[in-house]
Amino acid sequence: MDLSSFVGILLGGIAAGMVLFVVSVGLSVTMGLMGFVNLAHGGFAMIGGYAIVLSMTHWGLPFPAALAFGFVAVALLAVVLERTLYARLYRATELDQVLFTIGLIYVMIATVTLGVGPETQTVVLPQWLRGQTDLGFMSYRSYSLALIVAGTALMLALWLGFERTRIGAQIRAAVDNRRMAQSMGVDVARLFTLTFALGSGLAAVGGGLGAEILGLDPQYPFRYLAYFLIVVAVGGMGRVSGVFFAALLIGVLDFVLKIYFPKGGTMFIYALTLILLLARPHGLFGKKGA
């Protein structure tokens, strides 16, 4: 394998990992903070992807504006659902939460199928994201490079937000010890709503950014649910940097295995995750007791 082929495969895996990160980081934080088994997280990514693609197709919104629209629309939807439905099950058993969120996925799938149709949606990228970019020793897809830059910038912004701001400190405190945070005057219910909206909004952006790579159709929430959960499990709940590196690891592994072992590559990832979690139940980057 020559250098260009190796770098091309590596960049392709990193770009796919960035999409996984943008979708999964919200799930990691909300599960770590709320302790809620939200298997419907991929459904918010799907709805956001549809909102982004359809707003570009029918309203003529430019790609960046469509991403912003998808984020805001899904974040507002998340606030409504969190206050009216999710909040009622915070003290419920994990089985009840799983059944509820699986049912919510079916509702989302049926709504999208009836409203838009079962066909796969295609995103029309702006001209400046099409084609190839010259890297000096090779050319590579401009959109994949843009995903890498955007994902890295988002990781840094989220890390700074969680590590260097007051609300970030409150979220980290609530993730580590919710009761202690409440006793110190932290409004955990308000944090639940804010982080759920943020996480769902980020999932929406990930759904739109990944539509060109992962595809976008009504079965999206179930097709990629296992990947999102693996990234969270490996990265550690509530750990932005952990989810980032876990997403890159899974993205590169999946990309390479689909090229060289197209029939059994996914099984290898599942087996590797199982072995890893047996050795480190809190993930590669999670804290013990997190």
C-alpha atoms as a PDB file:
ATOM      1  CA  MET A   1       0.000   0.000   0.000  1.00  0.00           C
ATOM      2  CA  ASP A   2       1.441   3.377  -1.028  1.00  0.00           C
ATOM      3  CA  LEU A   3       1.309   6.532   1.093  1.00  0.00           C
ATOM      4  CA  SER A   4      -1.611   8.077  -0.805  1.00  0.00           C
ATOM      5  CA  SER A   5      -3.790   4.991  -0.332  1.00  0.00           C
ATOM      6  CA  PHE A   6      -2.963   4.777   3.364  1.00  0.00           C
ATOM      7  CA  VAL A   7      -3.706   8.466   3.971  1.00  0.00           C
ATOM      8  CA  GLY A   8      -6.895   8.227   1.912  1.00  0.00           C
ATOM      9  CA  ILE A   9      -8.205   5.332   4.004  1.00  0.00           C
ATOM     10  CA  LEU A  10      -7.184   7.063   7.227  1.00  0.00           C
ATOM     11  CA  LEU A  11      -8.913  10.331   6.263  1.00  0.00           C
ATOM     12  CA  GLY A  12     -12.038   8.458   5.196  1.00  0.00           C
ATOM     13  CA  GLY A  13     -12.229   6.707   8.559  1.00  0.00           C
ATOM     14  CA  ILE A  14     -11.593   9.930  10.463  1.00  0.00           C
ATOM     15  CA  ALA A  15     -14.341  11.720   8.514  1.00  0.00           C
ATOM     16  CA  ALA A  16     -16.807   8.929   9.333  1.00  0.00           C
ATOM     17  CA  GLY A  17     -15.660   9.063  12.956  1.00  0.00           C
ATOM     18  CA  MET A  18     -16.376  12.790  13.089  1.00  0.00           C
ATOM     19  CA  VAL A  19     -19.989  12.149  12.108  1.00  0.00           C
ATOM     20  CA  LEU A  20     -20.259   9.496  14.822  1.00  0.00           C
ATOM     21  CA  PHE A  21     -18.802  11.965  17.318  1.00  0.00           C
ATOM     22  CA  VAL A  22     -21.222  14.787  16.516  1.00  0.00           C
ATOM     23  CA  VAL A  23     -24.210  12.455  16.919  1.00  0.00           C
ATOM     24  CA  SER A  24     -22.920  10.458  19.896  1.00  0.00           C
ATOM     25  CA  VAL A  25     -21.498  13.195  22.125  1.00  0.00           C
ATOM     26  CA  GLY A  26     -24.964  14.435  23.051  1.00  0.00           C
ATOM     27  CA  LEU A  27     -26.050  10.905  23.941  1.00  0.00           C
ATOM     28  CA  SER A  28     -22.953  10.494  26.122  1.00  0.00           C
ATOM     29  CA  VAL A  29     -23.589  13.674  28.105  1.00  0.00           C
ATOM     30  CA  THR A  30     -27.332  13.169  28.527  1.00  0.00           C
ATOM     31  CA  MET A  31     -26.956   9.544  29.599  1.00  0.00           C
ATOM     32  CA  GLY A  32     -24.169  10.467  32.000  1.00  0.00           C
ATOM     33  CA  LEU A  33     -26.113  13.380  33.486  1.00  0.00           C
ATOM     34  CA  MET A  34     -29.681  12.138  33.377  1.00  0.00           C
ATOM     35  CA  GLY A  35     -29.048   8.432  33.841  1.00  0.00           C
ATOM     36  CA  PHE A  36     -31.729   7.908  31.196  1.00  0.00           C
ATOM     37  CA  VAL A  37     -31.436   5.091  28.655  1.00  0.00           C
ATOM     38  CA  ASN A  38     -32.365   7.194  25.620  1.00  0.00           C
ATOM     39  CA  LEU A  39     -32.276   4.761  22.708  1.00  0.00           C
ATOM     40  CA  ALA A  40     -34.273   7.270  20.631  1.00  0.00           C
ATOM     41  CA  HIS A  41     -31.242   9.546  20.267  1.00  0.00           C
ATOM     42  CA  GLY A  42     -30.698   8.351  16.706  1.00  0.00           C
ATOM     43  CA  GLY A  43     -34.288   9.328  15.959  1.00  0.00           C
ATOM     44  CA  PHE A  44     -33.457  12.955  16.752  1.00  0.00           C
ATOM     45  CA  ALA A  45     -30.484  12.668  14.375  1.00  0.00           C
ATOM     46  CA  MET A  46     -32.801  11.338  11.672  1.00  0.00           C
ATOM     47  CA  ILE A  47     -35.379  14.101  12.166  1.00  0.00           C
ATOM     48  CA  GLY A  48     -32.630  16.710  12.119  1.00  0.00           C
ATOM     49  CA  GLY A  49     -31.196  15.229   8.947  1.00  0.00           C
ATOM     50  CA  TYR A  50     -34.600  15.384   7.276  1.00  0.00           C
ATOM     51  CA  ALA A  51     -35.143  18.964   8.465  1.00  0.00           C
ATOM     52  CA  ILE A  52     -31.764  19.986   7.034  1.00  0.00           C
ATOM     53  CA  VAL A  53     -32.143  18.209   3.696  1.00  0.00           C
ATOM     54  CA  LEU A  54     -35.765  19.269   3.122  1.00  0.00           C
ATOM     55  CA  SER A  55     -35.119  22.893   4.101  1.00  0.00           C
ATOM     56  CA  MET A  56     -32.398  23.001   1.452  1.00  0.00           C
ATOM     57  CA  THR A  57     -34.582  21.288  -1.141  1.00  0.00           C
ATOM     58  CA  HIS A  58     -37.871  23.152  -0.599  1.00  0.00           C
ATOM     59  CA  TRP A  59     -36.806  26.471   0.929  1.00  0.00           C
ATOM     60  CA  GLY A  60     -33.483  26.896  -0.795  1.00  0.00           C
ATOM     61  CA  LEU A  61     -31.579  27.418   2.450  1.00  0.00           C
ATOM     62  CA  PRO A  62     -27.776  27.340   2.086  1.00  0.00           C
ATOM     63  CA  PHE A  63     -26.068  24.418   3.787  1.00  0.00           C
ATOM     64  CA  PRO A  64     -24.794  26.296   6.895  1.00  0.00           C
ATOM     65  CA  ALA A  65     -28.210  27.940   7.445  1.00  0.00           C
ATOM     66  CA  ALA A  66     -29.929  24.565   7.035  1.00  0.00           C
ATOM     67  CA  LEU A  67     -27.624  23.062   9.686  1.00  0.00           C
ATOM     68  CA  ALA A  68     -28.534  25.894  12.065  1.00  0.00           C
ATOM     69  CA  PHE A  69     -32.223  25.409  11.315  1.00  0.00           C
ATOM     70  CA  GLY A  70     -32.004  21.673  11.985  1.00  0.00           C
ATOM     71  CA  PHE A  71     -30.223  22.270  15.287  1.00  0.00           C
ATOM     72  CA  VAL A  72     -32.782  24.798  16.540  1.00  0.00           C
ATOM     73  CA  ALA A  73     -35.825  22.841  15.334  1.00  0.00           C
ATOM     74  CA  VAL A  74     -34.745  19.564  16.947  1.00  0.00           C
ATOM     75  CA  ALA A  75     -33.540  21.283  20.129  1.00  0.00           C
ATOM     76  CA  LEU A  76     -36.993  22.861  20.545  1.00  0.00           C
ATOM     77  CA  LEU A  77     -38.664  19.515  19.856  1.00  0.00           C
ATOM     78  CA  ALA A  78     -36.382  17.930  22.458  1.00  0.00           C
ATOM     79  CA  VAL A  79     -37.397  20.508  25.091  1.00  0.00           C
ATOM     80  CA  VAL A  80     -41.080  19.729  24.499  1.00  0.00           C
ATOM     81  CA  LEU A  81     -40.554  15.955  24.635  1.00  0.00           C
ATOM     82  CA  GLU A  82     -38.285  16.181  27.676  1.00  0.00           C
ATOM     83  CA  ARG A  83     -40.797  18.203  29.669  1.00  0.00           C
ATOM     84  CA  THR A  84     -43.898  16.263  28.597  1.00  0.00           C
ATOM     85  CA  LEU A  85     -42.642  12.672  28.240  1.00  0.00           C
ATOM     86  CA  TYR A  86     -39.065  12.027  29.364  1.00  0.00           C
ATOM     87  CA  ALA A  87     -39.438  13.776  32.727  1.00  0.00           C
ATOM     88  CA  ARG A  88     -42.225  11.372  33.664  1.00  0.00           C
ATOM     89  CA  LEU A  89     -39.853   8.416  33.403  1.00  0.00           C
ATOM     90  CA  TYR A  90     -36.745   9.707  35.176  1.00  0.00           C
ATOM     91  CA  ARG A  91     -37.490   7.524  38.186  1.00  0.00           C
ATOM     92  CA  ALA A  92     -38.757   4.593  36.131  1.00  0.00           C
ATOM     93  CA  THR A  93     -36.832   1.356  35.705  1.00  0.00           C
ATOM     94  CA  GLU A  94     -34.309   0.967  32.900  1.00  0.00           C
ATOM     95  CA  LEU A  95     -36.645  -1.516  31.199  1.00  0.00           C
ATOM     96  CA  ASP A  96     -39.428   1.069  31.143  1.00  0.00           C
ATOM     97  CA  GLN A  97     -37.053   3.653  29.678  1.00  0.00           C
ATOM     98  CA  VAL A  98     -35.867   1.227  27.000  1.00  0.00           C
ATOM     99  CA  LEU A  99     -39.410   0.279  26.028  1.00  0.00           C
ATOM    100  CA  PHE A 100     -40.487   3.919  25.934  1.00  0.00           C
ATOM    101  CA  THR A 101     -37.596   5.091  23.761  1.00  0.00           C
ATOM    102  CA  ILE A 102     -37.873   2.097  21.403  1.00  0.00           C
ATOM    103  CA  GLY A 103     -41.556   2.933  21.018  1.00  0.00           C
ATOM    104  CA  LEU A 104     -40.650   6.558  20.359  1.00  0.00           C
ATOM    105  CA  ILE A 105     -38.319   5.433  17.572  1.00  0.00           C
ATOM    106  CA  TYR A 106     -41.198   3.614  15.884  1.00  0.00           C
ATOM    107  CA  VAL A 107     -43.348   6.733  16.177  1.00  0.00           C
ATOM    108  CA  MET A 108     -40.572   8.833  14.607  1.00  0.00           C
ATOM    109  CA  ILE A 109     -40.055   6.323  11.795  1.00  0.00           C
ATOM    110  CA  ALA A 110     -43.782   6.123  11.044  1.00  0.00           C
ATOM    111  CA  THR A 111     -44.116   9.913  11.090  1.00  0.00           C
ATOM    112  CA  VAL A 112     -41.237  10.423   8.666  1.00  0.00           C
ATOM    113  CA  THR A 113     -42.380   7.586   6.408  1.00  0.00           C
ATOM    114  CA  LEU A 114     -45.944   8.921   6.181  1.00  0.00           C
ATOM    115  CA  GLY A 115     -44.894  12.541   5.859  1.00  0.00           C
ATOM    116  CA  VAL A 116     -41.959  12.246   3.463  1.00  0.00           C
ATOM    117  CA  GLY A 117     -41.810   8.678   2.203  1.00  0.00           C
ATOM    118  CA  PRO A 118     -39.501   5.672   2.594  1.00  0.00           C
ATOM    119  CA  GLU A 119     -36.972   6.802  -0.019  1.00  0.00           C
ATOM    120  CA  THR A 120     -33.388   7.647   0.858  1.00  0.00           C
ATOM    121  CA  GLN A 121     -32.824  11.405   0.971  1.00  0.00           C
ATOM    122  CA  THR A 122     -29.898  12.991  -0.807  1.00  0.00           C
ATOM    123  CA  VAL A 123     -28.162  16.170   0.306  1.00  0.00           C
ATOM    124  CA  VAL A 124     -26.959  18.583  -2.359  1.00  0.00           C
ATOM    125  CA  LEU A 125     -23.665  19.964  -1.124  1.00  0.00           C
ATOM    126  CA  PRO A 126     -22.664  23.532  -1.975  1.00  0.00           C
ATOM    127  CA  GLN A 127     -20.109  23.991  -4.715  1.00  0.00           C
ATOM    128  CA  TRP A 128     -17.298  24.834  -2.297  1.00  0.00           C
ATOM    129  CA  LEU A 129     -17.660  21.445  -0.591  1.00  0.00           C
ATOM    130  CA  ARG A 130     -17.630  19.393  -3.788  1.00  0.00           C
ATOM    131  CA  GLY A 131     -14.681  18.017  -5.644  1.00  0.00           C
ATOM    132  CA  GLN A 132     -11.145  17.513  -4.408  1.00  0.00           C
ATOM    133  CA  THR A 133      -8.677  19.522  -2.340  1.00  0.00           C
ATOM    134  CA  ASP A 134      -4.978  19.431  -3.153  1.00  0.00           C
ATOM    135  CA  LEU A 135      -2.964  18.353  -0.079  1.00  0.00           C
ATOM    136  CA  GLY A 136       0.369  18.662  -1.849  1.00  0.00           C
ATOM    137  CA  PHE A 137       1.169  14.958  -2.165  1.00  0.00           C
ATOM    138  CA  MET A 138      -2.404  13.888  -3.021  1.00  0.00           C
ATOM    139  CA  SER A 139      -5.924  15.162  -3.576  1.00  0.00           C
ATOM    140  CA  TYR A 140      -8.818  14.243  -1.339  1.00  0.00           C
ATOM    141  CA  ARG A 141     -12.566  14.890  -1.068  1.00  0.00           C
ATOM    142  CA  SER A 142     -13.217  18.433   0.102  1.00  0.00           C
ATOM    143  CA  TYR A 143     -16.317  17.440   2.073  1.00  0.00           C
ATOM    144  CA  SER A 144     -14.483  14.784   4.083  1.00  0.00           C
ATOM    145  CA  LEU A 145     -11.766  17.279   4.960  1.00  0.00           C
ATOM    146  CA  ALA A 146     -14.418  19.819   5.968  1.00  0.00           C
ATOM    147  CA  LEU A 147     -16.006  17.201   8.264  1.00  0.00           C
ATOM    148  CA  ILE A 148     -12.652  16.596   9.948  1.00  0.00           C
ATOM    149  CA  VAL A 149     -12.094  20.307  10.534  1.00  0.00           C
ATOM    150  CA  ALA A 150     -15.682  20.917  11.725  1.00  0.00           C
ATOM    151  CA  GLY A 151     -15.671  17.903  14.050  1.00  0.00           C
ATOM    152  CA  THR A 152     -12.362  18.883  15.612  1.00  0.00           C
ATOM    153  CA  ALA A 153     -13.538  22.471  16.110  1.00  0.00           C
ATOM    154  CA  LEU A 154     -16.771  21.252  17.707  1.00  0.00           C
ATOM    155  CA  MET A 155     -14.865  18.947  20.061  1.00  0.00           C
ATOM    156  CA  LEU A 156     -12.656  21.820  21.192  1.00  0.00           C
ATOM    157  CA  ALA A 157     -15.658  24.123  21.649  1.00  0.00           C
ATOM    158  CA  LEU A 158     -17.546  21.522  23.691  1.00  0.00           C
ATOM    159  CA  TRP A 159     -14.476  20.676  25.760  1.00  0.00           C
ATOM    160  CA  LEU A 160     -13.891  24.345  26.559  1.00  0.00           C
ATOM    161  CA  GLY A 161     -17.596  24.765  27.319  1.00  0.00           C
ATOM    162  CA  PHE A 162     -17.606  21.862  29.747  1.00  0.00           C
ATOM    163  CA  GLU A 163     -14.216  22.593  31.312  1.00  0.00           C
ATOM    164  CA  ARG A 164     -14.070  26.399  31.389  1.00  0.00           C
ATOM    165  CA  THR A 165     -17.600  27.661  32.020  1.00  0.00           C
ATOM    166  CA  ARG A 166     -19.867  27.729  35.058  1.00  0.00           C
ATOM    167  CA  ILE A 167     -22.643  25.714  33.447  1.00  0.00           C
ATOM    168  CA  GLY A 168     -20.050  23.215  32.246  1.00  0.00           C
ATOM    169  CA  ALA A 169     -18.822  22.800  35.799  1.00  0.00           C
ATOM    170  CA  GLN A 170     -22.401  22.260  36.962  1.00  0.00           C
ATOM    171  CA  ILE A 171     -22.979  19.621  34.298  1.00  0.00           C
ATOM    172  CA  ARG A 172     -19.744  17.810  35.198  1.00  0.00           C
ATOM    173  CA  ALA A 173     -20.654  17.949  38.881  1.00  0.00           C
ATOM    174  CA  ALA A 174     -24.119  16.548  38.180  1.00  0.00           C
ATOM    175  CA  VAL A 175     -22.646  13.775  36.020  1.00  0.00           C
ATOM    176  CA  ASP A 176     -20.176  12.770  38.755  1.00  0.00           C
ATOM    177  CA  ASN A 177     -22.556  13.082  41.726  1.00  0.00           C
ATOM    178  CA  ARG A 178     -26.091  14.286  41.099  1.00  0.00           C
ATOM    179  CA  ARG A 179     -27.190  14.361  44.749  1.00  0.00           C
ATOM    180  CA  MET A 180     -24.157  16.346  45.849  1.00  0.00           C
ATOM    181  CA  ALA A 181     -24.732  18.829  42.995  1.00  0.00           C
ATOM    182  CA  GLN A 182     -28.339  19.288  44.086  1.00  0.00           C
ATOM    183  CA  SER A 183     -27.275  19.860  47.684  1.00  0.00           C
ATOM    184  CA  MET A 184     -24.947  22.624  46.450  1.00  0.00           C
ATOM    185  CA  GLY A 185     -27.849  24.451  44.824  1.00  0.00           C
ATOM    186  CA  VAL A 186     -27.482  23.263  41.239  1.00  0.00           C
ATOM    187  CA  ASP A 187     -30.823  23.216  39.404  1.00  0.00           C
ATOM    188  CA  VAL A 188     -30.489  19.712  38.000  1.00  0.00           C
ATOM    189  CA  ALA A 189     -33.927  19.742  36.345  1.00  0.00           C
ATOM    190  CA  ARG A 190     -32.935  22.820  34.339  1.00  0.00           C
ATOM    191  CA  LEU A 191     -29.635  21.165  33.430  1.00  0.00           C
ATOM    192  CA  PHE A 192     -31.561  18.117  32.233  1.00  0.00           C
ATOM    193  CA  THR A 193     -33.590  20.233  29.831  1.00  0.00           C
ATOM    194  CA  LEU A 194     -30.627  22.272  28.560  1.00  0.00           C
ATOM    195  CA  THR A 195     -28.316  19.311  28.013  1.00  0.00           C
ATOM    196  CA  PHE A 196     -31.080  17.232  26.426  1.00  0.00           C
ATOM    197  CA  ALA A 197     -31.815  20.075  23.996  1.00  0.00           C
ATOM    198  CA  LEU A 198     -28.102  20.552  23.253  1.00  0.00           C
ATOM    199  CA  GLY A 199     -27.484  16.848  22.785  1.00  0.00           C
ATOM    200  CA  SER A 200     -30.499  16.407  20.521  1.00  0.00           C
ATOM    201  CA  GLY A 201     -29.568  19.502  18.526  1.00  0.00           C
ATOM    202  CA  LEU A 202     -26.057  18.154  17.995  1.00  0.00           C
ATOM    203  CA  ALA A 203     -27.546  14.834  16.915  1.00  0.00           C
ATOM    204  CA  ALA A 204     -29.599  16.743  14.338  1.00  0.00           C
ATOM    205  CA  VAL A 205     -26.484  18.438  12.980  1.00  0.00           C
ATOM    206  CA  GLY A 206     -24.752  15.053  12.840  1.00  0.00           C
ATOM    207  CA  GLY A 207     -27.690  13.614  10.927  1.00  0.00           C
ATOM    208  CA  GLY A 208     -27.389  16.375   8.342  1.00  0.00           C
ATOM    209  CA  LEU A 209     -23.597  16.274   8.098  1.00  0.00           C
ATOM    210  CA  GLY A 210     -23.608  12.485   7.799  1.00  0.00           C
ATOM    211  CA  ALA A 211     -26.409  12.237   5.240  1.00  0.00           C
ATOM    212  CA  GLU A 212     -23.877  12.237   2.390  1.00  0.00           C
ATOM    213  CA  ILE A 213     -21.761   9.500   4.052  1.00  0.00           C
ATOM    214  CA  LEU A 214     -24.143   7.352   6.128  1.00  0.00           C
ATOM    215  CA  GLY A 215     -27.295   7.937   4.101  1.00  0.00           C
ATOM    216  CA  LEU A 216     -30.638   9.148   5.407  1.00  0.00           C
ATOM    217  CA  ASP A 217     -33.879   7.166   5.401  1.00  0.00           C
ATOM    218  CA  PRO A 218     -36.570   6.205   7.961  1.00  0.00           C
ATOM    219  CA  GLN A 219     -34.559   3.193   9.183  1.00  0.00           C
ATOM    220  CA  TYR A 220     -31.611   5.395  10.192  1.00  0.00           C
ATOM    221  CA  PRO A 221     -32.286   5.251  13.993  1.00  0.00           C
ATOM    222  CA  PHE A 222     -32.129   1.460  14.129  1.00  0.00           C
ATOM    223  CA  ARG A 223     -29.356   1.047  11.539  1.00  0.00           C
ATOM    224  CA  TYR A 224     -26.825   3.103  13.502  1.00  0.00           C
ATOM    225  CA  LEU A 225     -28.108   2.692  17.070  1.00  0.00           C
ATOM    226  CA  ALA A 226     -25.468   0.074  17.910  1.00  0.00           C
ATOM    227  CA  TYR A 227     -22.675   2.334  16.632  1.00  0.00           C
ATOM    228  CA  PHE A 228     -23.807   5.285  18.748  1.00  0.00           C
ATOM    229  CA  LEU A 229     -24.024   3.100  21.853  1.00  0.00           C
ATOM    230  CA  ILE A 230     -20.593   1.571  21.179  1.00  0.00           C
ATOM    231  CA  VAL A 231     -19.004   5.019  20.881  1.00  0.00           C
ATOM    232  CA  VAL A 232     -20.582   6.094  24.184  1.00  0.00           C
ATOM    233  CA  ALA A 233     -19.613   2.849  25.927  1.00  0.00           C
ATOM    234  CA  VAL A 234     -16.012   2.991  24.728  1.00  0.00           C
ATOM    235  CA  GLY A 235     -15.606   6.730  25.283  1.00  0.00           C
ATOM    236  CA  GLY A 236     -17.249   6.886  28.689  1.00  0.00           C
ATOM    237  CA  MET A 237     -20.497   8.610  29.595  1.00  0.00           C
ATOM    238  CA  GLY A 238     -20.224  12.365  29.968  1.00  0.00           C
ATOM    239  CA  ARG A 239     -16.650  12.513  28.596  1.00  0.00           C
ATOM    240  CA  VAL A 240     -16.412  14.767  25.526  1.00  0.00           C
ATOM    241  CA  SER A 241     -12.772  13.983  24.774  1.00  0.00           C
ATOM    242  CA  GLY A 242     -13.356  10.281  25.412  1.00  0.00           C
ATOM    243  CA  VAL A 243     -16.264  10.145  22.973  1.00  0.00           C
ATOM    244  CA  PHE A 244     -14.170  12.032  20.416  1.00  0.00           C
ATOM    245  CA  PHE A 245     -11.306   9.543  20.468  1.00  0.00           C
ATOM    246  CA  ALA A 246     -13.696   6.580  20.660  1.00  0.00           C
ATOM    247  CA  ALA A 247     -15.591   7.851  17.611  1.00  0.00           C
ATOM    248  CA  LEU A 248     -12.343   8.223  15.674  1.00  0.00           C
ATOM    249  CA  LEU A 249     -11.296   4.711  16.675  1.00  0.00           C
ATOM    250  CA  ILE A 250     -14.622   3.154  15.668  1.00  0.00           C
ATOM    251  CA  GLY A 251     -14.831   5.243  12.494  1.00  0.00           C
ATOM    252  CA  VAL A 252     -11.376   4.235  11.260  1.00  0.00           C
ATOM    253  CA  LEU A 253     -11.870   0.579  12.222  1.00  0.00           C
ATOM    254  CA  ASP A 254     -15.256   0.407  10.498  1.00  0.00           C
ATOM    255  CA  PHE A 255     -13.939   2.130   7.365  1.00  0.00           C
ATOM    256  CA  VAL A 256     -10.930  -0.188   7.088  1.00  0.00           C
ATOM    257  CA  LEU A 257     -12.902  -3.350   7.827  1.00  0.00           C
ATOM    258  CA  LYS A 258     -15.571  -2.497   5.246  1.00  0.00           C
ATOM    259  CA  ILE A 259     -12.821  -2.267   2.631  1.00  0.00           C
ATOM    260  CA  TYR A 260     -10.881  -5.424   3.509  1.00  0.00           C
ATOM    261  CA  PHE A 261     -13.551  -7.546   5.284  1.00  0.00           C
ATOM    262  CA  PRO A 262     -16.897  -6.330   3.917  1.00  0.00           C
ATOM    263  CA  LYS A 263     -18.856  -9.354   5.185  1.00  0.00           C
ATOM    264  CA  GLY A 264     -17.488  -9.790   8.717  1.00  0.00           C
ATOM    265  CA  GLY A 265     -16.015  -6.443   9.667  1.00  0.00           C
ATOM    266  CA  THR A 266     -18.959  -5.298  11.775  1.00  0.00           C
ATOM    267  CA  MET A 267     -18.884  -8.499  13.824  1.00  0.00           C
ATOM    268  CA  PHE A 268     -15.221  -7.808  14.639  1.00  0.00           C
ATOM    269  CA  ILE A 269     -16.128  -4.370  16.030  1.00  0.00           C
ATOM    270  CA  TYR A 270     -18.875  -5.873  18.206  1.00  0.00           C
ATOM    271  CA  ALA A 271     -16.526  -8.573  19.504  1.00  0.00           C
ATOM    272  CA  LEU A 272     -13.769  -6.074  20.218  1.00  0.00           C
ATOM    273  CA  THR A 273     -16.205  -3.835  22.092  1.00  0.00           C
ATOM    274  CA  LEU A 274     -17.415  -6.785  24.181  1.00  0.00           C
ATOM    275  CA  ILE A 275     -13.842  -7.728  25.154  1.00  0.00           C
ATOM    276  CA  LEU A 276     -13.000  -4.111  25.947  1.00  0.00           C
ATOM    277  CA  LEU A 277     -16.006  -3.602  28.203  1.00  0.00           C
ATOM    278  CA  LEU A 278     -15.304  -6.845  30.045  1.00  0.00           C
ATOM    279  CA  ALA A 279     -11.824  -5.522  30.825  1.00  0.00           C
ATOM    280  CA  ARG A 280     -12.861  -1.867  31.363  1.00  0.00           C
ATOM    281  CA  PRO A 281     -16.589  -1.608  32.168  1.00  0.00           C
ATOM    282  CA  HIS A 282     -16.440   2.215  32.195  1.00  0.00           C
ATOM    283  CA  GLY A 283     -14.841   2.406  28.762  1.00  0.00           C
ATOM    284  CA  LEU A 284     -11.371   3.370  27.616  1.00  0.00           C
ATOM    285  CA  PHE A 285     -11.747   6.975  28.724  1.00  0.00           C
ATOM    286  CA  GLY A 286     -14.429   6.806  31.404  1.00  0.00           C
ATOM    287  CA  LYS A 287     -13.677   7.241  35.091  1.00  0.00           C
ATOM    288  CA  LYS A 288     -14.239   4.427  37.523  1.00  0.00           C
ATOM    289  CA  GLY A 289     -17.546   4.898  39.227  1.00  0.00           C
ATOM    290  CA  ALA A 290     -18.729   7.320  36.512  1.00  0.00           C
END
